[in-house]
């Protein structure tokens, strides 16, 4: 079994072909991940508070 880099992928390779593009996408993914965590935690808190005070 061989592993393939993102640069060699036929579909995703065009987004990660240069180090600058790769750095931009990694930054975007980090921002999306942080936002996802914030929404997840706030959703759980809202759910708990809604059920606690109902």
N, C-alpha and C. Protein backbone atom coordinates (compact mmCIF):
# COMPACT_ATOMS: atom_id res chain seq x y z
N UNK A 1 0.84 -1.17 0.00
CA UNK A 1 0.00 0.00 0.00
C UNK A 1 0.89 1.24 0.00
N UNK A 2 0.63 2.13 -0.94
CA UNK A 2 1.43 3.35 -1.01
C UNK A 2 0.56 4.53 -0.63
N UNK A 3 1.22 5.54 -0.10
CA UNK A 3 0.50 6.76 0.25
C UNK A 3 0.70 7.80 -0.84
N UNK A 4 -0.32 8.62 -1.06
CA UNK A 4 -0.23 9.65 -2.09
C UNK A 4 -0.30 11.02 -1.42
N UNK A 5 0.57 11.90 -1.86
CA UNK A 5 0.55 13.26 -1.34
C UNK A 5 -0.62 14.03 -1.95
N UNK A 6 -0.99 15.11 -1.27
CA UNK A 6 -2.07 15.96 -1.79
C UNK A 6 -1.70 16.57 -3.13
N UNK A 7 -0.42 16.87 -3.31
CA UNK A 7 0.02 17.48 -4.56
C UNK A 7 -0.15 16.55 -5.75
N UNK A 8 -0.11 15.23 -5.51
CA UNK A 8 -0.22 14.26 -6.58
C UNK A 8 -1.65 13.82 -6.86
N UNK A 9 -2.58 14.23 -6.03
CA UNK A 9 -3.97 13.84 -6.21
C UNK A 9 -4.54 14.52 -7.45
N UNK A 10 -5.27 13.78 -8.31
CA UNK A 10 -5.78 14.40 -9.54
C UNK A 10 -6.85 15.46 -9.31
N UNK A 11 -7.60 15.36 -8.24
CA UNK A 11 -8.68 16.32 -7.99
C UNK A 11 -8.21 17.43 -7.05
N UNK A 12 -7.62 17.06 -5.92
CA UNK A 12 -7.21 18.04 -4.93
C UNK A 12 -5.84 18.65 -5.21
N UNK A 13 -5.09 18.09 -6.11
CA UNK A 13 -3.73 18.56 -6.38
C UNK A 13 -3.66 20.00 -6.83
N UNK A 14 -4.64 20.46 -7.58
CA UNK A 14 -4.59 21.85 -8.07
C UNK A 14 -4.76 22.86 -6.94
N UNK A 15 -5.34 22.47 -5.82
CA UNK A 15 -5.49 23.38 -4.67
C UNK A 15 -4.25 23.39 -3.78
N UNK A 16 -3.41 22.38 -3.89
CA UNK A 16 -2.25 22.23 -3.01
C UNK A 16 -0.94 22.13 -3.79
N UNK A 17 -0.89 22.66 -5.02
CA UNK A 17 0.30 22.47 -5.84
C UNK A 17 1.46 23.37 -5.45
N UNK A 18 1.23 24.49 -4.79
CA UNK A 18 2.32 25.36 -4.34
C UNK A 18 2.27 25.47 -2.81
N UNK A 19 3.40 25.78 -2.19
CA UNK A 19 3.39 25.93 -0.73
C UNK A 19 2.48 27.07 -0.26
N UNK A 20 2.35 28.12 -1.07
CA UNK A 20 1.48 29.24 -0.69
C UNK A 20 0.02 28.81 -0.66
N UNK A 21 -0.40 28.06 -1.67
CA UNK A 21 -1.78 27.57 -1.71
C UNK A 21 -2.04 26.61 -0.56
N UNK A 22 -1.06 25.76 -0.29
CA UNK A 22 -1.21 24.80 0.80
C UNK A 22 -1.35 25.52 2.14
N UNK A 23 -0.54 26.57 2.35
CA UNK A 23 -0.61 27.33 3.60
C UNK A 23 -1.96 28.04 3.73
N UNK A 24 -2.48 28.58 2.63
CA UNK A 24 -3.78 29.26 2.67
C UNK A 24 -4.89 28.28 3.03
N UNK A 25 -4.86 27.09 2.43
CA UNK A 25 -5.90 26.11 2.72
C UNK A 25 -5.80 25.57 4.13
N UNK A 26 -4.59 25.41 4.64
CA UNK A 26 -4.43 24.95 6.02
C UNK A 26 -4.97 26.00 6.98
N UNK A 27 -4.71 27.28 6.70
CA UNK A 27 -5.25 28.34 7.54
C UNK A 27 -6.77 28.35 7.49
N UNK A 28 -7.34 28.21 6.30
CA UNK A 28 -8.80 28.17 6.17
C UNK A 28 -9.40 26.99 6.93
N UNK A 29 -8.75 25.84 6.85
CA UNK A 29 -9.24 24.66 7.56
C UNK A 29 -9.17 24.84 9.08
N UNK A 30 -8.12 25.52 9.54
CA UNK A 30 -8.02 25.79 10.98
C UNK A 30 -9.14 26.71 11.44
N UNK A 31 -9.45 27.74 10.65
CA UNK A 31 -10.53 28.67 11.00
C UNK A 31 -11.86 27.94 11.02
N UNK A 32 -12.11 27.11 10.01
CA UNK A 32 -13.36 26.35 9.95
C UNK A 32 -13.46 25.39 11.14
N UNK A 33 -12.36 24.77 11.52
CA UNK A 33 -12.36 23.85 12.65
C UNK A 33 -12.67 24.59 13.95
N UNK A 34 -12.07 25.75 14.14
CA UNK A 34 -12.33 26.54 15.35
C UNK A 34 -13.79 26.97 15.40
N UNK A 35 -14.34 27.42 14.27
CA UNK A 35 -15.75 27.80 14.23
C UNK A 35 -16.66 26.61 14.51
N UNK A 36 -16.30 25.44 13.98
CA UNK A 36 -17.10 24.24 14.22
C UNK A 36 -17.11 23.90 15.71
N UNK A 37 -15.97 24.00 16.37
CA UNK A 37 -15.90 23.71 17.80
C UNK A 37 -16.74 24.71 18.58
N UNK A 38 -16.67 26.00 18.21
CA UNK A 38 -17.45 27.02 18.90
C UNK A 38 -18.95 26.75 18.75
N UNK A 39 -19.40 26.45 17.54
CA UNK A 39 -20.81 26.15 17.33
C UNK A 39 -21.25 24.88 18.04
N UNK A 40 -20.38 23.88 18.07
CA UNK A 40 -20.71 22.64 18.76
C UNK A 40 -20.89 22.87 20.25
N UNK A 41 -19.95 23.56 20.86
CA UNK A 41 -20.01 23.82 22.30
C UNK A 41 -21.21 24.70 22.63
N UNK A 42 -21.44 25.75 21.83
CA UNK A 42 -22.58 26.62 22.11
C UNK A 42 -23.89 25.88 21.90
N UNK A 43 -23.96 24.99 20.93
CA UNK A 43 -25.17 24.21 20.72
C UNK A 43 -25.45 23.26 21.87
N UNK A 44 -24.41 22.63 22.39
CA UNK A 44 -24.59 21.74 23.53
C UNK A 44 -25.02 22.54 24.75
N UNK A 45 -24.39 23.70 24.98
CA UNK A 45 -24.77 24.54 26.12
C UNK A 45 -26.21 25.02 26.00
N UNK A 46 -26.61 25.46 24.80
CA UNK A 46 -27.99 25.90 24.61
C UNK A 46 -28.97 24.76 24.84
N UNK A 47 -28.63 23.57 24.38
CA UNK A 47 -29.48 22.41 24.58
C UNK A 47 -29.64 22.10 26.07
N UNK A 48 -28.52 22.13 26.80
CA UNK A 48 -28.57 21.84 28.23
C UNK A 48 -29.35 22.92 28.99
N UNK A 49 -29.11 24.17 28.67
CA UNK A 49 -29.82 25.25 29.34
C UNK A 49 -31.31 25.23 29.02
N UNK A 50 -31.64 24.91 27.78
CA UNK A 50 -33.05 24.83 27.38
C UNK A 50 -33.79 23.75 28.17
N UNK A 51 -33.15 22.60 28.32
CA UNK A 51 -33.77 21.50 29.05
C UNK A 51 -33.72 21.71 30.56
N UNK A 52 -32.77 22.46 31.05
CA UNK A 52 -32.65 22.70 32.48
C UNK A 52 -33.71 23.68 32.98
N UNK A 53 -34.00 24.71 32.21
CA UNK A 53 -34.92 25.75 32.64
C UNK A 53 -36.33 25.63 32.04
N UNK A 54 -36.61 24.54 31.39
CA UNK A 54 -37.94 24.35 30.80
C UNK A 54 -38.89 23.80 31.80
